[in-house]
Amino acid sequence: MNTNVPTMATIPNSMTERPRLRRPAFRVDHITYLAVLIGILTAASSWPSPCSAGRTPFKEPTVTDADAALTSPPEGDDSASSKVDDTTIDYGNHNLEWEDGPSSWEEFGHDNSDCGLEFITVEEWERGRYWEGSKPVIVRNVTDGWAALNNWKKQEIVRRYPDAEATMGESRLVGETGPDDAGKNLSPTTVKEYITKHMYHPLKYFFDRKIAIPKGMLEDCHPFPQPTRAYLANPHMGETYALSRKKKVRKTPDRELWRDHLAVSIGSDLHGLTWHNHREAWNVVIFGHKRWLLWDHARWKNNNTMQFLMTRDWSRDAHVPGHEWISRLYKAKNRQYEIQNHGHDCIQGPGDMMFVPHRWMHMVVNVGDTVSVISEVG
């Protein structure tokens, strides 16, 4: 018998006891763990998704103290327009002409040196059928021969069409929904009432497509640009008899046609519609100037996040008036990059027509008192 085999009695306790795990020299508490987890999730949220392959990501700007001044409203102000008392504001300028109203040209006007759009003649517009294209363009001298150049002067339009009915509303809200669906955000007015009592109120912009204005008022804008002019001359163009031979029908639905879908816009300095998009449209300025920012549909059509970060004040999750977007939000480098490389920043003057292609995002700001007429597909 081997007497050298150890027995349980001879084995030291340190060998029979279960070894104890040594505690680490540091301890991860719950707060540190949560902080690390949040950091990981935050980093993961910025990774590109498989669906975004091939697109240039739109990175949300880092909010520094300097950026805060660019993306936040003035201290103590929840909204640049929310504090305005909803009363009549009358500076007496209705006794003058459009050119005599207040203007922010020095702040919002420019010489179009960086506009980037093609400027063409009416003949080139019609010959090239630019309205069928996918690029914005500005057409010069569209109002040549229009009776509106005289009949729509401020004093004359009030004398000729005082009871022409339309609606007015806050441009920020009208821009969010479009004038056709603005509903309760609009209130009825007339040409005379608006110009003499409401025009210089910052929340009251005369923009109406379902207008009940006298026929003669729009006749002051002949000859209309093509293709609207062709439809007005022959609303039944393109119609053929149905198989039943009972009536003529058109294969192209009305929503695809340039019809008599016309609007009149009258507003003072800094009025206008914030970022929005719709079908193809043209806008002719008769008096005044408009500043346009346009953004290519191809950049945001499959990217709601990019659209949100570009057009809205993301710090407040809200649309802002166009002039506020330009003066406060446009300074962000990402937004400047998008407009400079995939959009346009242009000034439209008297007699100019701006053509906006299908679904191009755009924003318009009046620079001084401005009057225009608009046509849109549908």
Protein backbone atom coordinates (compact mmCIF):
# COMPACT_ATOMS: atom_id res chain seq x y z
CA MET A 1 0.00 0.00 0.00
CA ASN A 2 1.30 3.36 -0.98
CA THR A 3 1.45 5.39 2.13
CA ASN A 4 2.40 8.52 0.20
CA VAL A 5 -1.08 9.05 -1.24
CA PRO A 6 -2.54 12.08 0.52
CA THR A 7 -5.76 11.67 2.39
CA MET A 8 -8.47 14.30 2.80
CA ALA A 9 -7.23 14.84 6.25
CA THR A 10 -3.77 15.71 5.04
CA ILE A 11 -4.87 18.08 2.16
CA PRO A 12 -4.64 21.75 3.18
CA ASN A 13 -7.91 23.70 3.39
CA SER A 14 -6.71 26.08 0.67
CA MET A 15 -6.77 23.20 -1.82
CA THR A 16 -10.17 21.84 -0.93
CA GLU A 17 -11.98 25.18 -0.79
CA ARG A 18 -13.55 26.60 -4.04
CA PRO A 19 -11.28 29.33 -5.33
CA ARG A 20 -12.69 32.82 -4.89
CA LEU A 21 -12.89 35.19 -7.87
CA ARG A 22 -10.83 38.27 -7.38
CA ARG A 23 -12.84 41.47 -7.70
CA PRO A 24 -11.62 43.97 -10.28
CA ALA A 25 -9.75 46.98 -9.09
CA PHE A 26 -12.52 49.26 -10.38
CA ARG A 27 -16.32 49.12 -10.33
CA VAL A 28 -18.68 50.02 -13.23
CA ASP A 29 -21.66 51.72 -11.61
CA HIS A 30 -25.07 52.11 -13.23
CA ILE A 31 -24.57 55.71 -14.31
CA THR A 32 -21.32 54.92 -16.15
CA TYR A 33 -22.95 51.90 -17.82
CA LEU A 34 -25.87 53.98 -19.08
CA ALA A 35 -23.57 56.70 -20.36
CA VAL A 36 -21.55 54.16 -22.37
CA LEU A 37 -24.74 52.57 -23.74
CA ILE A 38 -26.15 55.93 -24.83
CA GLY A 39 -22.88 56.74 -26.55
CA ILE A 40 -22.98 53.48 -28.50
CA LEU A 41 -26.60 54.00 -29.56
CA THR A 42 -25.91 57.58 -30.59
CA ALA A 43 -22.99 56.50 -32.76
CA ALA A 44 -25.05 53.70 -34.32
CA SER A 45 -27.85 56.11 -35.26
CA SER A 46 -25.44 58.03 -37.49
CA TRP A 47 -24.36 54.95 -39.50
CA PRO A 48 -25.75 54.97 -43.06
CA SER A 49 -28.57 52.52 -43.67
CA PRO A 50 -28.48 50.06 -46.60
CA CYS A 51 -31.34 52.03 -48.19
CA SER A 52 -29.22 55.17 -48.35
CA ALA A 53 -26.38 53.66 -50.34
CA GLY A 54 -25.24 55.90 -53.14
CA ARG A 55 -26.61 59.09 -51.59
CA THR A 56 -24.67 61.90 -49.99
CA PRO A 57 -25.69 61.87 -46.32
CA PHE A 58 -27.04 65.06 -44.81
CA LYS A 59 -25.34 65.35 -41.43
CA GLU A 60 -27.10 67.30 -38.73
CA PRO A 61 -24.91 70.23 -37.67
CA THR A 62 -23.20 70.02 -34.30
CA VAL A 63 -24.77 72.60 -32.02
CA THR A 64 -22.07 74.84 -30.67
CA ASP A 65 -22.55 78.17 -28.92
CA ALA A 66 -22.09 79.89 -32.27
CA ASP A 67 -24.59 77.61 -33.99
CA ALA A 68 -27.14 78.15 -31.26
CA ALA A 69 -27.39 81.77 -32.25
CA LEU A 70 -28.14 80.71 -35.83
CA THR A 71 -30.74 78.04 -35.09
CA SER A 72 -32.61 79.44 -32.10
CA PRO A 73 -35.15 82.26 -31.99
CA PRO A 74 -34.41 85.42 -30.02
CA GLU A 75 -34.35 84.82 -26.29
CA GLY A 76 -37.82 84.81 -24.80
CA ASP A 77 -39.52 84.42 -28.19
CA ASP A 78 -41.19 81.09 -28.95
CA SER A 79 -41.95 82.09 -32.52
CA ALA A 80 -40.93 85.05 -34.59
CA SER A 81 -44.55 85.60 -35.65
CA SER A 82 -46.46 84.38 -32.60
CA LYS A 83 -46.20 87.66 -30.67
CA VAL A 84 -47.81 89.85 -33.34
CA ASP A 85 -51.12 91.27 -32.26
CA ASP A 86 -53.81 90.26 -34.76
CA THR A 87 -55.03 93.78 -35.50
CA THR A 88 -55.04 96.11 -38.46
CA ILE A 89 -51.66 97.65 -39.25
CA ASP A 90 -51.87 100.63 -41.59
CA TYR A 91 -48.78 102.67 -42.38
CA GLY A 92 -50.66 104.82 -44.89
CA ASN A 93 -48.69 103.42 -47.83
CA HIS A 94 -51.89 102.48 -49.63
CA ASN A 95 -52.09 106.13 -50.64
CA LEU A 96 -48.83 105.75 -52.57
CA GLU A 97 -47.68 103.22 -55.19
CA TRP A 98 -46.14 99.76 -54.89
CA GLU A 99 -42.62 101.11 -55.33
CA ASP A 100 -43.07 103.43 -52.31
CA GLY A 101 -43.61 100.69 -49.74
CA PRO A 102 -40.95 99.58 -47.24
CA SER A 103 -38.25 97.28 -48.66
CA SER A 104 -35.54 95.05 -47.20
CA TRP A 105 -33.49 95.03 -50.39
CA GLU A 106 -30.17 95.71 -48.65
CA GLU A 107 -30.63 92.61 -46.50
CA PHE A 108 -32.42 90.22 -48.87
CA GLY A 109 -31.72 91.47 -52.39
CA HIS A 110 -28.75 90.51 -54.58
CA ASP A 111 -27.54 90.82 -58.18
CA ASN A 112 -28.18 87.20 -59.30
CA SER A 113 -24.47 86.63 -59.86
CA ASP A 114 -24.78 83.23 -58.11
CA CYS A 115 -28.32 82.42 -59.24
CA GLY A 116 -27.25 79.74 -61.71
CA LEU A 117 -30.50 79.72 -63.69
CA GLU A 118 -30.87 80.26 -67.42
CA PHE A 119 -32.56 83.55 -68.39
CA ILE A 120 -34.49 83.23 -71.65
CA THR A 121 -36.95 85.18 -73.82
CA VAL A 122 -40.64 84.45 -74.28
CA GLU A 123 -39.88 83.18 -77.79
CA GLU A 124 -37.27 80.76 -76.46
CA TRP A 125 -39.69 79.57 -73.77
CA GLU A 126 -42.36 78.73 -76.33
CA ARG A 127 -40.07 77.34 -79.01
CA GLY A 128 -38.20 75.11 -76.57
CA ARG A 129 -41.34 74.08 -74.63
CA TYR A 130 -39.44 74.57 -71.39
CA TRP A 131 -42.55 73.79 -69.33
CA GLU A 132 -42.02 70.13 -70.25
CA GLY A 133 -38.53 70.13 -68.76
CA SER A 134 -37.18 69.34 -65.31
CA LYS A 135 -35.07 72.45 -64.68
CA PRO A 136 -36.18 75.84 -63.34
CA VAL A 137 -35.81 78.81 -65.67
CA ILE A 138 -36.52 82.57 -65.63
CA VAL A 139 -38.28 84.11 -68.63
CA ARG A 140 -37.76 87.84 -69.26
CA ASN A 141 -40.28 90.54 -70.31
CA VAL A 142 -43.36 88.33 -69.98
CA THR A 143 -45.62 91.26 -69.03
CA ASP A 144 -44.92 93.29 -72.19
CA GLY A 145 -48.28 94.51 -73.45
CA TRP A 146 -50.22 93.54 -70.30
CA ALA A 147 -52.98 95.97 -69.28
CA ALA A 148 -52.11 95.05 -65.67
CA LEU A 149 -49.05 97.28 -65.89
CA ASN A 150 -51.48 100.18 -65.62
CA ASN A 151 -54.67 98.65 -64.20
CA TRP A 152 -52.92 96.93 -61.30
CA LYS A 153 -51.02 99.92 -60.04
CA LYS A 154 -51.84 100.34 -56.37
CA GLN A 155 -54.28 103.22 -56.71
CA GLU A 156 -55.76 101.91 -59.93
CA ILE A 157 -56.42 98.36 -58.75
CA VAL A 158 -58.29 99.70 -55.71
CA ARG A 159 -60.38 101.96 -57.96
CA ARG A 160 -61.13 99.31 -60.62
CA TYR A 161 -61.55 96.16 -58.51
CA PRO A 162 -62.39 97.24 -54.94
CA ASP A 163 -64.80 94.34 -54.30
CA ALA A 164 -62.78 91.54 -55.88
CA GLU A 165 -62.99 88.77 -53.27
CA ALA A 166 -60.17 86.54 -52.13
CA THR A 167 -58.60 85.27 -48.91
CA MET A 168 -55.60 86.14 -46.78
CA GLY A 169 -53.62 84.23 -44.19
CA GLU A 170 -50.28 83.74 -42.46
CA SER A 171 -47.74 82.83 -45.10
CA ARG A 172 -46.04 80.23 -42.88
CA LEU A 173 -49.29 78.27 -42.47
CA VAL A 174 -50.40 78.72 -46.09
CA GLY A 175 -46.99 77.42 -47.19
CA GLU A 176 -47.31 74.29 -45.04
CA THR A 177 -50.62 73.18 -46.56
CA GLY A 178 -50.92 75.14 -49.81
CA PRO A 179 -53.63 77.75 -50.33
CA ASP A 180 -56.20 75.20 -51.52
CA ASP A 181 -56.09 73.31 -48.22
CA ALA A 182 -55.36 76.15 -45.80
CA GLY A 183 -59.00 76.17 -44.66
CA LYS A 184 -59.44 77.81 -41.29
CA ASN A 185 -56.04 79.48 -41.62
CA LEU A 186 -57.53 81.81 -44.24
CA SER A 187 -60.00 84.65 -43.80
CA PRO A 188 -62.03 86.42 -46.50
CA THR A 189 -61.14 89.87 -47.75
CA THR A 190 -61.38 92.08 -50.80
CA VAL A 191 -58.74 93.88 -52.84
CA LYS A 192 -59.59 97.26 -51.34
CA GLU A 193 -59.91 96.03 -47.76
CA TYR A 194 -56.64 94.14 -47.93
CA ILE A 195 -54.59 96.94 -49.48
CA THR A 196 -55.99 99.72 -47.28
CA LYS A 197 -56.24 97.84 -43.95
CA HIS A 198 -54.25 94.60 -43.80
CA MET A 199 -51.40 94.62 -46.30
CA TYR A 200 -48.69 95.67 -43.84
CA HIS A 201 -49.71 93.18 -41.19
CA PRO A 202 -46.93 90.55 -41.07
CA LEU A 203 -49.41 87.66 -40.74
CA LYS A 204 -51.79 88.64 -43.54
CA TYR A 205 -50.76 87.65 -47.04
CA PHE A 206 -53.14 87.86 -50.01
CA PHE A 207 -52.66 84.60 -51.89
CA ASP A 208 -55.66 82.83 -53.33
CA ARG A 209 -56.23 80.30 -56.06
CA LYS A 210 -59.98 79.86 -55.55
CA ILE A 211 -60.52 83.49 -56.35
CA ALA A 212 -63.89 85.11 -56.99
CA ILE A 213 -62.35 88.08 -58.76
CA PRO A 214 -63.98 89.72 -61.78
CA LYS A 215 -63.10 88.11 -65.08
CA GLY A 216 -61.74 91.40 -66.34
CA MET A 217 -59.05 91.43 -63.66
CA LEU A 218 -57.32 88.36 -65.07
CA GLU A 219 -57.92 89.56 -68.62
CA ASP A 220 -55.49 92.36 -67.72
CA CYS A 221 -52.77 89.68 -67.81
CA HIS A 222 -53.15 88.67 -71.45
CA PRO A 223 -51.40 87.26 -73.31
CA PHE A 224 -50.82 84.59 -70.67
CA PRO A 225 -47.65 82.52 -70.96
CA GLN A 226 -47.85 79.17 -72.66
CA PRO A 227 -49.12 76.55 -72.10
CA THR A 228 -51.85 78.26 -70.03
CA ARG A 229 -52.73 80.48 -72.98
CA ALA A 230 -53.37 77.47 -75.22
CA TYR A 231 -55.80 75.94 -72.72
CA LEU A 232 -57.71 79.18 -72.20
CA ALA A 233 -58.03 79.60 -75.97
CA ASN A 234 -59.40 76.05 -76.37
CA PRO A 235 -60.33 74.23 -73.12
CA HIS A 236 -61.45 71.22 -75.17
CA MET A 237 -58.14 70.79 -76.95
CA GLY A 238 -57.17 67.11 -77.12
CA GLU A 239 -60.66 65.81 -76.54
CA THR A 240 -62.08 63.05 -78.77
CA TYR A 241 -65.44 61.32 -78.85
CA ALA A 242 -65.86 58.37 -76.53
CA LEU A 243 -66.89 55.03 -77.98
CA SER A 244 -70.51 55.84 -77.20
CA ARG A 245 -70.19 58.97 -79.37
CA LYS A 246 -72.29 60.82 -76.77
CA LYS A 247 -69.62 63.24 -75.63
CA LYS A 248 -66.01 64.15 -76.09
CA VAL A 249 -63.47 63.02 -73.52
CA ARG A 250 -59.80 63.69 -72.94
CA LYS A 251 -57.41 60.85 -72.18
CA THR A 252 -55.19 63.11 -70.09
CA PRO A 253 -56.76 63.70 -66.64
CA ASP A 254 -57.36 67.30 -65.53
CA ARG A 255 -54.74 66.99 -62.80
CA GLU A 256 -52.10 66.63 -65.55
CA LEU A 257 -53.12 69.74 -67.51
CA TRP A 258 -52.15 73.41 -67.44
CA ARG A 259 -55.69 74.74 -67.04
CA ASP A 260 -57.21 77.96 -65.72
CA HIS A 261 -55.78 77.16 -62.27
CA LEU A 262 -54.75 80.76 -61.61
CA ALA A 263 -53.84 82.65 -58.46
CA VAL A 264 -53.18 86.27 -57.57
CA SER A 265 -50.62 87.21 -54.93
CA ILE A 266 -50.38 90.63 -53.27
CA GLY A 267 -48.07 91.19 -50.33
CA SER A 268 -45.73 93.60 -48.63
CA ASP A 269 -42.05 93.33 -47.81
CA LEU A 270 -41.03 89.89 -46.41
CA HIS A 271 -44.38 88.26 -47.12
CA GLY A 272 -44.17 84.96 -49.00
CA LEU A 273 -44.58 81.21 -48.68
CA THR A 274 -42.16 79.05 -46.74
CA TRP A 275 -40.71 75.78 -48.12
CA HIS A 276 -43.25 73.76 -50.13
CA ASN A 277 -43.60 71.84 -53.39
CA HIS A 278 -46.31 71.00 -55.93
CA ARG A 279 -46.84 70.31 -59.61
CA GLU A 280 -45.23 72.42 -62.35
CA ALA A 281 -46.02 76.13 -62.03
CA TRP A 282 -45.12 79.54 -63.33
CA ASN A 283 -45.12 82.80 -61.37
CA VAL A 284 -45.04 86.21 -63.09
CA VAL A 285 -44.11 89.31 -61.08
CA ILE A 286 -45.94 92.43 -62.26
CA PHE A 287 -44.66 94.82 -59.58
CA GLY A 288 -41.87 94.37 -57.04
CA HIS A 289 -39.26 91.64 -56.48
CA LYS A 290 -39.22 88.13 -55.08
CA ARG A 291 -36.32 86.16 -53.69
CA TRP A 292 -36.47 82.47 -54.56
CA LEU A 293 -34.67 79.53 -53.02
CA LEU A 294 -35.15 76.33 -55.02
CA TRP A 295 -33.98 72.81 -54.12
CA ASP A 296 -33.85 69.86 -56.51
CA HIS A 297 -36.49 67.19 -55.94
CA ALA A 298 -33.92 64.47 -56.65
CA ARG A 299 -32.04 65.38 -53.47
CA TRP A 300 -34.87 64.69 -51.03
CA LYS A 301 -37.55 62.58 -52.73
CA ASN A 302 -36.48 59.38 -50.92
CA ASN A 303 -35.06 61.00 -47.82
CA ASN A 304 -37.56 62.55 -45.41
CA THR A 305 -34.82 63.16 -42.86
CA MET A 306 -32.85 65.30 -45.28
CA GLN A 307 -36.00 67.22 -46.22
CA PHE A 308 -36.79 67.83 -42.54
CA LEU A 309 -33.29 69.01 -41.63
CA MET A 310 -33.05 71.27 -44.68
CA THR A 311 -36.40 73.03 -44.61
CA ARG A 312 -37.43 73.17 -40.96
CA ASP A 313 -36.02 74.67 -37.80
CA TRP A 314 -35.11 71.29 -36.32
CA SER A 315 -34.31 72.81 -32.92
CA ARG A 316 -38.02 73.63 -32.59
CA ASP A 317 -39.45 71.07 -35.04
CA ALA A 318 -41.27 73.85 -36.89
CA HIS A 319 -41.53 75.71 -40.17
CA VAL A 320 -40.47 79.33 -39.98
CA PRO A 321 -41.29 82.27 -42.28
CA GLY A 322 -39.07 82.50 -45.33
CA HIS A 323 -37.24 85.67 -44.31
CA GLU A 324 -36.43 84.12 -40.93
CA TRP A 325 -35.12 80.97 -42.61
CA ILE A 326 -32.81 83.07 -44.81
CA SER A 327 -31.53 85.34 -42.04
CA ARG A 328 -31.15 82.68 -39.33
CA LEU A 329 -31.07 79.13 -40.70
CA TYR A 330 -29.48 79.61 -44.13
CA LYS A 331 -26.13 80.27 -42.44
CA ALA A 332 -25.71 76.59 -41.61
CA LYS A 333 -23.03 75.07 -43.86
CA ASN A 334 -25.12 72.04 -44.84
CA ARG A 335 -27.95 74.23 -46.09
CA GLN A 336 -25.59 76.49 -48.02
CA TYR A 337 -24.00 73.43 -49.62
CA GLU A 338 -27.36 72.07 -50.78
CA ILE A 339 -28.49 75.34 -52.38
CA GLN A 340 -25.12 76.05 -53.98
CA ASN A 341 -24.75 72.54 -55.43
CA HIS A 342 -28.30 71.25 -55.84
CA GLY A 343 -30.45 74.37 -55.94
CA HIS A 344 -30.67 78.05 -56.76
CA ASP A 345 -30.91 81.39 -54.94
CA CYS A 346 -32.35 84.00 -57.33
CA ILE A 347 -34.06 87.38 -57.50
CA GLN A 348 -37.12 87.74 -59.75
CA GLY A 349 -37.92 91.28 -60.89
CA PRO A 350 -40.84 93.01 -62.61
CA GLY A 351 -41.79 91.29 -65.86
CA ASP A 352 -39.90 88.08 -64.99
CA MET A 353 -41.55 84.67 -64.93
CA MET A 354 -40.15 81.91 -62.72
CA PHE A 355 -40.84 78.36 -63.88
CA VAL A 356 -40.76 75.76 -61.09
CA PRO A 357 -40.61 72.09 -62.24
CA HIS A 358 -42.58 69.22 -60.74
CA ARG A 359 -41.90 68.76 -57.02
CA TRP A 360 -38.94 71.10 -56.80
CA MET A 361 -38.91 72.40 -53.22
CA HIS A 362 -39.02 76.19 -53.14
CA MET A 363 -39.48 79.17 -50.86
CA VAL A 364 -40.43 82.73 -51.87
CA VAL A 365 -39.90 86.01 -50.02
CA ASN A 366 -41.15 89.40 -51.20
CA VAL A 367 -38.57 92.17 -51.27
CA GLY A 368 -40.77 95.27 -51.12
CA ASP A 369 -44.44 95.46 -52.10
CA THR A 370 -45.01 92.75 -54.71
CA VAL A 371 -47.88 91.72 -57.02
CA SER A 372 -47.84 88.54 -59.10
CA VAL A 373 -50.05 86.07 -60.96
CA ILE A 374 -49.49 82.31 -60.85
CA SER A 375 -50.56 79.25 -62.85
CA GLU A 376 -50.08 75.61 -61.85
CA VAL A 377 -50.74 72.21 -63.37
CA GLY A 378 -53.92 70.63 -62.05
